[in-house]
Amino acid sequence: MHLTKPLNKDNQTAEELFAARNERLHRDAKEWLMRTTENCTILSVFIATVAFAAAYTEPGAVLGRCTESSKNFVAKFLEGVAIGVGIFVLVLFLSSYLAFSKA
């Protein structure tokens, strides 16, 4: 463990030198991450919307042919899981988007 930070001949620490030399790379990476997060957020909203529509529409209900056999517990459970995962991913991407937009 060092009590002092080593400095170069320009009186800079390693962190300061790295930040100064790679400022453009950091800016480009941040922009790429923002674009990727925006696109993934749009995709997760689409997935959550489709999962919600699938979970709350009975098979054959649109045509009026809904039967008792179509009310399957396993299918409803998996549709609920799909909605949960879709909402979780949406919250995850929105929180990362907000975190990077403020930084």
PDB file of N, CA and C in Angstrom:
ATOM      1  N   MET A   1       0.838  -1.173   0.000  1.00  0.00           N
ATOM      2  CA  MET A   1       0.000   0.000   0.000  1.00  0.00           C
ATOM      3  C   MET A   1       0.889   1.244   0.000  1.00  0.00           C
ATOM      4  N   HIS A   2       0.606   2.148  -0.925  1.00  0.00           N
ATOM      5  CA  HIS A   2       1.374   3.377  -1.030  1.00  0.00           C
ATOM      6  C   HIS A   2       0.621   4.508  -0.353  1.00  0.00           C
ATOM      7  N   LEU A   3       1.355   5.336   0.327  1.00  0.00           N
ATOM      8  CA  LEU A   3       0.728   6.486   0.965  1.00  0.00           C
ATOM      9  C   LEU A   3       0.660   7.683   0.034  1.00  0.00           C
ATOM     10  N   THR A   4       1.500   7.688  -0.987  1.00  0.00           N
ATOM     11  CA  THR A   4       1.477   8.768  -1.969  1.00  0.00           C
ATOM     12  C   THR A   4       1.264   8.163  -3.348  1.00  0.00           C
ATOM     13  N   LYS A   5       0.735   8.964  -4.241  1.00  0.00           N
ATOM     14  CA  LYS A   5       0.532   8.509  -5.615  1.00  0.00           C
ATOM     15  C   LYS A   5       1.735   8.924  -6.441  1.00  0.00           C
ATOM     16  N   PRO A   6       2.281   7.999  -7.224  1.00  0.00           N
ATOM     17  CA  PRO A   6       3.433   8.360  -8.051  1.00  0.00           C
ATOM     18  C   PRO A   6       3.012   9.324  -9.168  1.00  0.00           C
ATOM     19  N   LEU A   7       3.865  10.287  -9.428  1.00  0.00           N
ATOM     20  CA  LEU A   7       3.599  11.302 -10.442  1.00  0.00           C
ATOM     21  C   LEU A   7       4.634  11.195 -11.551  1.00  0.00           C
ATOM     22  N   ASN A   8       4.233  11.564 -12.760  1.00  0.00           N
ATOM     23  CA  ASN A   8       5.183  11.580 -13.865  1.00  0.00           C
ATOM     24  C   ASN A   8       5.892  12.934 -13.900  1.00  0.00           C
ATOM     25  N   LYS A   9       6.675  13.164 -14.954  1.00  0.00           N
ATOM     26  CA  LYS A   9       7.449  14.416 -15.025  1.00  0.00           C
ATOM     27  C   LYS A   9       6.570  15.648 -15.206  1.00  0.00           C
ATOM     28  N   ASP A  10       5.296  15.446 -15.679  1.00  0.00           N
ATOM     29  CA  ASP A  10       4.357  16.563 -15.828  1.00  0.00           C
ATOM     30  C   ASP A  10       3.481  16.734 -14.596  1.00  0.00           C
ATOM     31  N   ASN A  11       3.842  16.053 -13.521  1.00  0.00           N
ATOM     32  CA  ASN A  11       3.136  16.140 -12.243  1.00  0.00           C
ATOM     33  C   ASN A  11       1.689  15.635 -12.358  1.00  0.00           C
ATOM     34  N   GLN A  12       1.498  14.521 -13.093  1.00  0.00           N
ATOM     35  CA  GLN A  12       0.185  13.901 -13.261  1.00  0.00           C
ATOM     36  C   GLN A  12       0.207  12.487 -12.695  1.00  0.00           C
ATOM     37  N   THR A  13      -0.922  12.084 -12.102  1.00  0.00           N
ATOM     38  CA  THR A  13      -1.062  10.698 -11.662  1.00  0.00           C
ATOM     39  C   THR A  13      -1.453   9.844 -12.861  1.00  0.00           C
ATOM     40  N   ALA A  14      -1.448   8.545 -12.677  1.00  0.00           N
ATOM     41  CA  ALA A  14      -1.799   7.633 -13.760  1.00  0.00           C
ATOM     42  C   ALA A  14      -3.255   7.838 -14.188  1.00  0.00           C
ATOM     43  N   GLU A  15      -4.145   8.070 -13.232  1.00  0.00           N
ATOM     44  CA  GLU A  15      -5.553   8.290 -13.558  1.00  0.00           C
ATOM     45  C   GLU A  15      -5.746   9.568 -14.372  1.00  0.00           C
ATOM     46  N   GLU A  16      -5.059  10.623 -13.991  1.00  0.00           N
ATOM     47  CA  GLU A  16      -5.179  11.893 -14.714  1.00  0.00           C
ATOM     48  C   GLU A  16      -4.626  11.772 -16.128  1.00  0.00           C
ATOM     49  N   LEU A  17      -3.511  11.085 -16.278  1.00  0.00           N
ATOM     50  CA  LEU A  17      -2.908  10.896 -17.593  1.00  0.00           C
ATOM     51  C   LEU A  17      -3.814  10.048 -18.490  1.00  0.00           C
ATOM     52  N   PHE A  18      -4.382   8.983 -17.934  1.00  0.00           N
ATOM     53  CA  PHE A  18      -5.288   8.132 -18.705  1.00  0.00           C
ATOM     54  C   PHE A  18      -6.527   8.903 -19.135  1.00  0.00           C
ATOM     55  N   ALA A  19      -7.115   9.684 -18.245  1.00  0.00           N
ATOM     56  CA  ALA A  19      -8.314  10.459 -18.573  1.00  0.00           C
ATOM     57  C   ALA A  19      -8.019  11.497 -19.646  1.00  0.00           C
ATOM     58  N   ALA A  20      -6.869  12.131 -19.575  1.00  0.00           N
ATOM     59  CA  ALA A  20      -6.523  13.161 -20.553  1.00  0.00           C
ATOM     60  C   ALA A  20      -6.281  12.551 -21.939  1.00  0.00           C
ATOM     61  N   ARG A  21      -5.635  11.413 -21.995  1.00  0.00           N
ATOM     62  CA  ARG A  21      -5.308  10.803 -23.284  1.00  0.00           C
ATOM     63  C   ARG A  21      -6.499  10.100 -23.929  1.00  0.00           C
ATOM     64  N   ASN A  22      -7.444   9.668 -23.134  1.00  0.00           N
ATOM     65  CA  ASN A  22      -8.552   8.876 -23.672  1.00  0.00           C
ATOM     66  C   ASN A  22      -9.892   9.584 -23.543  1.00  0.00           C
ATOM     67  N   GLU A  23      -9.899  10.886 -23.529  1.00  0.00           N
ATOM     68  CA  GLU A  23     -11.146  11.637 -23.400  1.00  0.00           C
ATOM     69  C   GLU A  23     -12.075  11.399 -24.599  1.00  0.00           C
ATOM     70  N   ARG A  24     -11.536  11.404 -25.796  1.00  0.00           N
ATOM     71  CA  ARG A  24     -12.353  11.178 -26.991  1.00  0.00           C
ATOM     72  C   ARG A  24     -12.928   9.766 -27.009  1.00  0.00           C
ATOM     73  N   LEU A  25     -12.129   8.783 -26.635  1.00  0.00           N
ATOM     74  CA  LEU A  25     -12.595   7.407 -26.572  1.00  0.00           C
ATOM     75  C   LEU A  25     -13.726   7.269 -25.548  1.00  0.00           C
ATOM     76  N   HIS A  26     -13.586   7.915 -24.420  1.00  0.00           N
ATOM     77  CA  HIS A  26     -14.633   7.881 -23.386  1.00  0.00           C
ATOM     78  C   HIS A  26     -15.923   8.516 -23.896  1.00  0.00           C
ATOM     79  N   ARG A  27     -15.805   9.635 -24.586  1.00  0.00           N
ATOM     80  CA  ARG A  27     -16.981  10.321 -25.122  1.00  0.00           C
ATOM     81  C   ARG A  27     -17.685   9.465 -26.175  1.00  0.00           C
ATOM     82  N   ASP A  28     -16.903   8.834 -27.073  1.00  0.00           N
ATOM     83  CA  ASP A  28     -17.479   7.967 -28.100  1.00  0.00           C
ATOM     84  C   ASP A  28     -18.158   6.749 -27.487  1.00  0.00           C
ATOM     85  N   ALA A  29     -17.535   6.173 -26.468  1.00  0.00           N
ATOM     86  CA  ALA A  29     -18.128   5.009 -25.801  1.00  0.00           C
ATOM     87  C   ALA A  29     -19.428   5.383 -25.103  1.00  0.00           C
ATOM     88  N   LYS A  30     -19.465   6.556 -24.519  1.00  0.00           N
ATOM     89  CA  LYS A  30     -20.684   7.007 -23.842  1.00  0.00           C
ATOM     90  C   LYS A  30     -21.820   7.221 -24.845  1.00  0.00           C
ATOM     91  N   GLU A  31     -21.517   7.806 -25.995  1.00  0.00           N
ATOM     92  CA  GLU A  31     -22.528   7.999 -27.039  1.00  0.00           C
ATOM     93  C   GLU A  31     -23.037   6.661 -27.572  1.00  0.00           C
ATOM     94  N   TRP A  32     -22.122   5.706 -27.784  1.00  0.00           N
ATOM     95  CA  TRP A  32     -22.529   4.390 -28.256  1.00  0.00           C
ATOM     96  C   TRP A  32     -23.437   3.709 -27.232  1.00  0.00           C
ATOM     97  N   LEU A  33     -23.072   3.817 -25.964  1.00  0.00           N
ATOM     98  CA  LEU A  33     -23.874   3.196 -24.918  1.00  0.00           C
ATOM     99  C   LEU A  33     -25.257   3.831 -24.826  1.00  0.00           C
ATOM    100  N   MET A  34     -25.355   5.129 -25.023  1.00  0.00           N
ATOM    101  CA  MET A  34     -26.653   5.804 -25.005  1.00  0.00           C
ATOM    102  C   MET A  34     -27.524   5.325 -26.165  1.00  0.00           C
ATOM    103  N   ARG A  35     -26.956   5.228 -27.372  1.00  0.00           N
ATOM    104  CA  ARG A  35     -27.727   4.750 -28.528  1.00  0.00           C
ATOM    105  C   ARG A  35     -28.180   3.313 -28.329  1.00  0.00           C
ATOM    106  N   THR A  36     -27.296   2.473 -27.826  1.00  0.00           N
ATOM    107  CA  THR A  36     -27.635   1.076 -27.588  1.00  0.00           C
ATOM    108  C   THR A  36     -28.732   0.948 -26.546  1.00  0.00           C
ATOM    109  N   THR A  37     -28.652   1.739 -25.487  1.00  0.00           N
ATOM    110  CA  THR A  37     -29.666   1.706 -24.438  1.00  0.00           C
ATOM    111  C   THR A  37     -31.015   2.167 -24.969  1.00  0.00           C
ATOM    112  N   GLU A  38     -31.023   3.201 -25.799  1.00  0.00           N
ATOM    113  CA  GLU A  38     -32.282   3.663 -26.389  1.00  0.00           C
ATOM    114  C   GLU A  38     -32.925   2.568 -27.241  1.00  0.00           C
ATOM    115  N   ASN A  39     -32.124   1.906 -28.067  1.00  0.00           N
ATOM    116  CA  ASN A  39     -32.657   0.855 -28.930  1.00  0.00           C
ATOM    117  C   ASN A  39     -33.155  -0.344 -28.124  1.00  0.00           C
ATOM    118  N   CYS A  40     -32.417  -0.719 -27.098  1.00  0.00           N
ATOM    119  CA  CYS A  40     -32.848  -1.840 -26.264  1.00  0.00           C
ATOM    120  C   CYS A  40     -34.097  -1.493 -25.468  1.00  0.00           C
ATOM    121  N   THR A  41     -34.263  -0.233 -25.082  1.00  0.00           N
ATOM    122  CA  THR A  41     -35.465   0.184 -24.376  1.00  0.00           C
ATOM    123  C   THR A  41     -36.678   0.068 -25.285  1.00  0.00           C
ATOM    124  N   ILE A  42     -36.536   0.481 -26.521  1.00  0.00           N
ATOM    125  CA  ILE A  42     -37.636   0.360 -27.486  1.00  0.00           C
ATOM    126  C   ILE A  42     -37.992  -1.114 -27.683  1.00  0.00           C
ATOM    127  N   LEU A  43     -36.994  -1.960 -27.814  1.00  0.00           N
ATOM    128  CA  LEU A  43     -37.241  -3.389 -27.990  1.00  0.00           C
ATOM    129  C   LEU A  43     -37.909  -3.997 -26.763  1.00  0.00           C
ATOM    130  N   SER A  44     -37.476  -3.618 -25.568  1.00  0.00           N
ATOM    131  CA  SER A  44     -38.078  -4.180 -24.360  1.00  0.00           C
ATOM    132  C   SER A  44     -39.522  -3.712 -24.189  1.00  0.00           C
ATOM    133  N   VAL A  45     -39.845  -2.486 -24.597  1.00  0.00           N
ATOM    134  CA  VAL A  45     -41.237  -2.028 -24.564  1.00  0.00           C
ATOM    135  C   VAL A  45     -42.076  -2.872 -25.520  1.00  0.00           C
ATOM    136  N   PHE A  46     -41.555  -3.153 -26.688  1.00  0.00           N
ATOM    137  CA  PHE A  46     -42.275  -3.992 -27.656  1.00  0.00           C
ATOM    138  C   PHE A  46     -42.512  -5.391 -27.100  1.00  0.00           C
ATOM    139  N   ILE A  47     -41.493  -5.984 -26.504  1.00  0.00           N
ATOM    140  CA  ILE A  47     -41.628  -7.331 -25.938  1.00  0.00           C
ATOM    141  C   ILE A  47     -42.637  -7.342 -24.800  1.00  0.00           C
ATOM    142  N   ALA A  48     -42.584  -6.344 -23.915  1.00  0.00           N
ATOM    143  CA  ALA A  48     -43.539  -6.283 -22.810  1.00  0.00           C
ATOM    144  C   ALA A  48     -44.964  -6.086 -23.323  1.00  0.00           C
ATOM    145  N   THR A  49     -45.130  -5.308 -24.375  1.00  0.00           N
ATOM    146  CA  THR A  49     -46.461  -5.092 -24.946  1.00  0.00           C
ATOM    147  C   THR A  49     -47.028  -6.378 -25.539  1.00  0.00           C
ATOM    148  N   VAL A  50     -46.217  -7.104 -26.266  1.00  0.00           N
ATOM    149  CA  VAL A  50     -46.672  -8.360 -26.856  1.00  0.00           C
ATOM    150  C   VAL A  50     -46.981  -9.386 -25.769  1.00  0.00           C
ATOM    151  N   ALA A  51     -46.144  -9.456 -24.737  1.00  0.00           N
ATOM    152  CA  ALA A  51     -46.393 -10.390 -23.639  1.00  0.00           C
ATOM    153  C   ALA A  51     -47.681 -10.027 -22.900  1.00  0.00           C
ATOM    154  N   PHE A  52     -47.915  -8.750 -22.698  1.00  0.00           N
ATOM    155  CA  PHE A  52     -49.147  -8.311 -22.041  1.00  0.00           C
ATOM    156  C   PHE A  52     -50.365  -8.681 -22.878  1.00  0.00           C
ATOM    157  N   ALA A  53     -50.298  -8.439 -24.177  1.00  0.00           N
ATOM    158  CA  ALA A  53     -51.422  -8.781 -25.056  1.00  0.00           C
ATOM    159  C   ALA A  53     -51.658 -10.287 -25.088  1.00  0.00           C
ATOM    160  N   ALA A  54     -50.588 -11.057 -25.082  1.00  0.00           N
ATOM    161  CA  ALA A  54     -50.744 -12.513 -25.108  1.00  0.00           C
ATOM    162  C   ALA A  54     -51.312 -13.040 -23.799  1.00  0.00           C
ATOM    163  N   ALA A  55     -50.953 -12.420 -22.696  1.00  0.00           N
ATOM    164  CA  ALA A  55     -51.409 -12.907 -21.394  1.00  0.00           C
ATOM    165  C   ALA A  55     -52.877 -12.601 -21.142  1.00  0.00           C
ATOM    166  N   TYR A  56     -53.366 -11.507 -21.655  1.00  0.00           N
ATOM    167  CA  TYR A  56     -54.732 -11.101 -21.344  1.00  0.00           C
ATOM    168  C   TYR A  56     -55.731 -11.329 -22.479  1.00  0.00           C
ATOM    169  N   THR A  57     -55.297 -12.014 -23.512  1.00  0.00           N
ATOM    170  CA  THR A  57     -56.211 -12.384 -24.593  1.00  0.00           C
ATOM    171  C   THR A  57     -56.363 -13.899 -24.580  1.00  0.00           C
ATOM    172  N   GLU A  58     -57.558 -14.359 -24.349  1.00  0.00           N
ATOM    173  CA  GLU A  58     -57.814 -15.790 -24.359  1.00  0.00           C
ATOM    174  C   GLU A  58     -57.713 -16.311 -25.789  1.00  0.00           C
ATOM    175  N   PRO A  59     -57.131 -17.481 -25.974  1.00  0.00           N
ATOM    176  CA  PRO A  59     -57.082 -18.061 -27.315  1.00  0.00           C
ATOM    177  C   PRO A  59     -58.493 -18.297 -27.851  1.00  0.00           C
ATOM    178  N   GLY A  60     -58.797 -17.757 -28.982  1.00  0.00           N
ATOM    179  CA  GLY A  60     -60.105 -17.903 -29.586  1.00  0.00           C
ATOM    180  C   GLY A  60     -61.128 -16.899 -29.108  1.00  0.00           C
ATOM    181  N   ALA A  61     -60.746 -16.018 -28.189  1.00  0.00           N
ATOM    182  CA  ALA A  61     -61.706 -15.065 -27.638  1.00  0.00           C
ATOM    183  C   ALA A  61     -62.098 -14.018 -28.667  1.00  0.00           C
ATOM    184  N   VAL A  62     -61.219 -13.703 -29.575  1.00  0.00           N
ATOM    185  CA  VAL A  62     -61.522 -12.703 -30.593  1.00  0.00           C
ATOM    186  C   VAL A  62     -62.623 -13.217 -31.524  1.00  0.00           C
ATOM    187  N   LEU A  63     -62.580 -14.496 -31.823  1.00  0.00           N
ATOM    188  CA  LEU A  63     -63.570 -15.097 -32.708  1.00  0.00           C
ATOM    189  C   LEU A  63     -64.775 -15.650 -31.949  1.00  0.00           C
ATOM    190  N   GLY A  64     -64.755 -15.556 -30.624  1.00  0.00           N
ATOM    191  CA  GLY A  64     -65.867 -16.043 -29.831  1.00  0.00           C
ATOM    192  C   GLY A  64     -65.850 -17.543 -29.618  1.00  0.00           C
ATOM    193  N   ARG A  65     -64.694 -18.177 -29.782  1.00  0.00           N
ATOM    194  CA  ARG A  65     -64.597 -19.634 -29.629  1.00  0.00           C
ATOM    195  C   ARG A  65     -63.762 -20.019 -28.416  1.00  0.00           C
ATOM    196  N   CYS A  66     -63.826 -19.260 -27.364  1.00  0.00           N
ATOM    197  CA  CYS A  66     -63.037 -19.534 -26.158  1.00  0.00           C
ATOM    198  C   CYS A  66     -63.649 -20.722 -25.417  1.00  0.00           C
ATOM    199  N   THR A  67     -62.841 -21.713 -25.109  1.00  0.00           N
ATOM    200  CA  THR A  67     -63.318 -22.903 -24.403  1.00  0.00           C
ATOM    201  C   THR A  67     -62.583 -23.040 -23.079  1.00  0.00           C
ATOM    202  N   GLU A  68     -63.086 -23.900 -22.208  1.00  0.00           N
ATOM    203  CA  GLU A  68     -62.450 -24.138 -20.917  1.00  0.00           C
ATOM    204  C   GLU A  68     -61.073 -24.762 -21.090  1.00  0.00           C
ATOM    205  N   SER A  69     -60.884 -25.572 -22.108  1.00  0.00           N
ATOM    206  CA  SER A  69     -59.595 -26.233 -22.293  1.00  0.00           C
ATOM    207  C   SER A  69     -58.493 -25.249 -22.656  1.00  0.00           C
ATOM    208  N   SER A  70     -58.858 -24.066 -23.124  1.00  0.00           N
ATOM    209  CA  SER A  70     -57.826 -23.093 -23.489  1.00  0.00           C
ATOM    210  C   SER A  70     -57.290 -22.339 -22.276  1.00  0.00           C
ATOM    211  N   LYS A  71     -57.923 -22.499 -21.115  1.00  0.00           N
ATOM    212  CA  LYS A  71     -57.459 -21.823 -19.902  1.00  0.00           C
ATOM    213  C   LYS A  71     -56.463 -22.725 -19.177  1.00  0.00           C
ATOM    214  N   ASN A  72     -55.269 -22.745 -19.666  1.00  0.00           N
ATOM    215  CA  ASN A  72     -54.226 -23.618 -19.148  1.00  0.00           C
ATOM    216  C   ASN A  72     -53.395 -22.864 -18.117  1.00  0.00           C
ATOM    217  N   PHE A  73     -53.213 -23.460 -16.936  1.00  0.00           N
ATOM    218  CA  PHE A  73     -52.453 -22.811 -15.863  1.00  0.00           C
ATOM    219  C   PHE A  73     -51.003 -22.583 -16.256  1.00  0.00           C
ATOM    220  N   VAL A  74     -50.389 -23.551 -16.886  1.00  0.00           N
ATOM    221  CA  VAL A  74     -48.977 -23.426 -17.258  1.00  0.00           C
ATOM    222  C   VAL A  74     -48.796 -22.285 -18.253  1.00  0.00           C
ATOM    223  N   ALA A  75     -49.684 -22.181 -19.217  1.00  0.00           N
ATOM    224  CA  ALA A  75     -49.578 -21.106 -20.205  1.00  0.00           C
ATOM    225  C   ALA A  75     -49.742 -19.753 -19.530  1.00  0.00           C
ATOM    226  N   LYS A  76     -50.707 -19.639 -18.615  1.00  0.00           N
ATOM    227  CA  LYS A  76     -50.910 -18.370 -17.910  1.00  0.00           C
ATOM    228  C   LYS A  76     -49.707 -18.021 -17.044  1.00  0.00           C
ATOM    229  N   PHE A  77     -49.140 -19.041 -16.397  1.00  0.00           N
ATOM    230  CA  PHE A  77     -47.962 -18.799 -15.566  1.00  0.00           C
ATOM    231  C   PHE A  77     -46.794 -18.303 -16.407  1.00  0.00           C
ATOM    232  N   LEU A  78     -46.549 -18.950 -17.533  1.00  0.00           N
ATOM    233  CA  LEU A  78     -45.443 -18.541 -18.400  1.00  0.00           C
ATOM    234  C   LEU A  78     -45.677 -17.161 -19.017  1.00  0.00           C
ATOM    235  N   GLU A  79     -46.923 -16.845 -19.314  1.00  0.00           N
ATOM    236  CA  GLU A  79     -47.216 -15.505 -19.820  1.00  0.00           C
ATOM    237  C   GLU A  79     -46.980 -14.454 -18.741  1.00  0.00           C
ATOM    238  N   GLY A  80     -47.302 -14.788 -17.502  1.00  0.00           N
ATOM    239  CA  GLY A  80     -47.013 -13.877 -16.386  1.00  0.00           C
ATOM    240  C   GLY A  80     -45.522 -13.680 -16.199  1.00  0.00           C
ATOM    241  N   VAL A  81     -44.759 -14.757 -16.349  1.00  0.00           N
ATOM    242  CA  VAL A  81     -43.302 -14.651 -16.268  1.00  0.00           C
ATOM    243  C   VAL A  81     -42.778 -13.765 -17.393  1.00  0.00           C
ATOM    244  N   ALA A  82     -43.338 -13.916 -18.589  1.00  0.00           N
ATOM    245  CA  ALA A  82     -42.903 -13.090 -19.720  1.00  0.00           C
ATOM    246  C   ALA A  82     -43.187 -11.616 -19.461  1.00  0.00           C
ATOM    247  N   ILE A  83     -44.338 -11.316 -18.885  1.00  0.00           N
ATOM    248  CA  ILE A  83     -44.644  -9.920 -18.555  1.00  0.00           C
ATOM    249  C   ILE A  83     -43.677  -9.402 -17.510  1.00  0.00           C
ATOM    250  N   GLY A  84     -43.412 -10.208 -16.491  1.00  0.00           N
ATOM    251  CA  GLY A  84     -42.481  -9.790 -15.441  1.00  0.00           C
ATOM    252  C   GLY A  84     -41.092  -9.530 -15.964  1.00  0.00           C
ATOM    253  N   VAL A  85     -40.608 -10.418 -16.797  1.00  0.00           N
ATOM    254  CA  VAL A  85     -39.266 -10.241 -17.374  1.00  0.00           C
ATOM    255  C   VAL A  85     -39.237  -9.025 -18.289  1.00  0.00           C
ATOM    256  N   GLY A  86     -40.285  -8.847 -19.078  1.00  0.00           N
ATOM    257  CA  GLY A  86     -40.337  -7.686 -19.966  1.00  0.00           C
ATOM    258  C   GLY A  86     -40.314  -6.375 -19.205  1.00  0.00           C
ATOM    259  N   ILE A  87     -41.079  -6.300 -18.121  1.00  0.00           N
ATOM    260  CA  ILE A  87     -41.104  -5.076 -17.313  1.00  0.00           C
ATOM    261  C   ILE A  87     -39.774  -4.881 -16.597  1.00  0.00           C
ATOM    262  N   PHE A  88     -39.177  -5.978 -16.111  1.00  0.00           N
ATOM    263  CA  PHE A  88     -37.873  -5.873 -15.449  1.00  0.00           C
ATOM    264  C   PHE A  88     -36.811  -5.338 -16.399  1.00  0.00           C
ATOM    265  N   VAL A  89     -36.772  -5.860 -17.615  1.00  0.00           N
ATOM    266  CA  VAL A  89     -35.784  -5.398 -18.604  1.00  0.00           C
ATOM    267  C   VAL A  89     -36.045  -3.944 -18.971  1.00  0.00           C
ATOM    268  N   LEU A  90     -37.308  -3.578 -19.087  1.00  0.00           N
ATOM    269  CA  LEU A  90     -37.644  -2.184 -19.385  1.00  0.00           C
ATOM    270  C   LEU A  90     -37.137  -1.252 -18.290  1.00  0.00           C
ATOM    271  N   VAL A  91     -37.368  -1.608 -17.043  1.00  0.00           N
ATOM    272  CA  VAL A  91     -36.889  -0.784 -15.923  1.00  0.00           C
ATOM    273  C   VAL A  91     -35.366  -0.750 -15.904  1.00  0.00           C
ATOM    274  N   LEU A  92     -34.732  -1.874 -16.194  1.00  0.00           N
ATOM    275  CA  LEU A  92     -33.275  -1.933 -16.220  1.00  0.00           C
ATOM    276  C   LEU A  92     -32.690  -0.991 -17.266  1.00  0.00           C
ATOM    277  N   PHE A  93     -33.232  -1.027 -18.477  1.00  0.00           N
ATOM    278  CA  PHE A  93     -32.704  -0.162 -19.531  1.00  0.00           C
ATOM    279  C   PHE A  93     -33.045   1.305 -19.288  1.00  0.00           C
ATOM    280  N   LEU A  94     -34.230   1.585 -18.763  1.00  0.00           N
ATOM    281  CA  LEU A  94     -34.576   2.973 -18.474  1.00  0.00           C
ATOM    282  C   LEU A  94     -33.686   3.541 -17.374  1.00  0.00           C
ATOM    283  N   SER A  95     -33.392   2.742 -16.362  1.00  0.00           N
ATOM    284  CA  SER A  95     -32.517   3.239 -15.300  1.00  0.00           C
ATOM    285  C   SER A  95     -31.098   3.467 -15.805  1.00  0.00           C
ATOM    286  N   SER A  96     -30.599   2.572 -16.660  1.00  0.00           N
ATOM    287  CA  SER A  96     -29.266   2.798 -17.216  1.00  0.00           C
ATOM    288  C   SER A  96     -29.253   3.999 -18.151  1.00  0.00           C
ATOM    289  N   TYR A  97     -30.319   4.188 -18.899  1.00  0.00           N
ATOM    290  CA  TYR A  97     -30.407   5.363 -19.779  1.00  0.00           C
ATOM    291  C   TYR A  97     -30.376   6.646 -18.966  1.00  0.00           C
ATOM    292  N   LEU A  98     -31.163   6.686 -17.896  1.00  0.00           N
ATOM    293  CA  LEU A  98     -31.180   7.887 -17.057  1.00  0.00           C
ATOM    294  C   LEU A  98     -29.846   8.114 -16.354  1.00  0.00           C
ATOM    295  N   ALA A  99     -29.195   7.034 -15.937  1.00  0.00           N
ATOM    296  CA  ALA A  99     -27.912   7.168 -15.262  1.00  0.00           C
ATOM    297  C   ALA A  99     -26.845   7.721 -16.200  1.00  0.00           C
ATOM    298  N   PHE A 100     -26.830   7.241 -17.449  1.00  0.00           N
ATOM    299  CA  PHE A 100     -25.813   7.702 -18.390  1.00  0.00           C
ATOM    300  C   PHE A 100     -26.150   9.074 -18.982  1.00  0.00           C
ATOM    301  N   SER A 101     -27.404   9.428 -19.021  1.00  0.00           N
ATOM    302  CA  SER A 101     -27.743  10.744 -19.568  1.00  0.00           C
ATOM    303  C   SER A 101     -27.387  11.859 -18.592  1.00  0.00           C
ATOM    304  N   LYS A 102     -27.361  11.565 -17.306  1.00  0.00           N
ATOM    305  CA  LYS A 102     -26.983  12.578 -16.305  1.00  0.00           C
ATOM    306  C   LYS A 102     -25.487  12.677 -16.129  1.00  0.00           C
ATOM    307  N   ALA A 103     -24.755  11.597 -16.450  1.00  0.00           N
ATOM    308  CA  ALA A 103     -23.295  11.588 -16.242  1.00  0.00           C
ATOM    309  C   ALA A 103     -22.574  12.373 -17.301  1.00  0.00           C
TER     310      ALA A 103
END
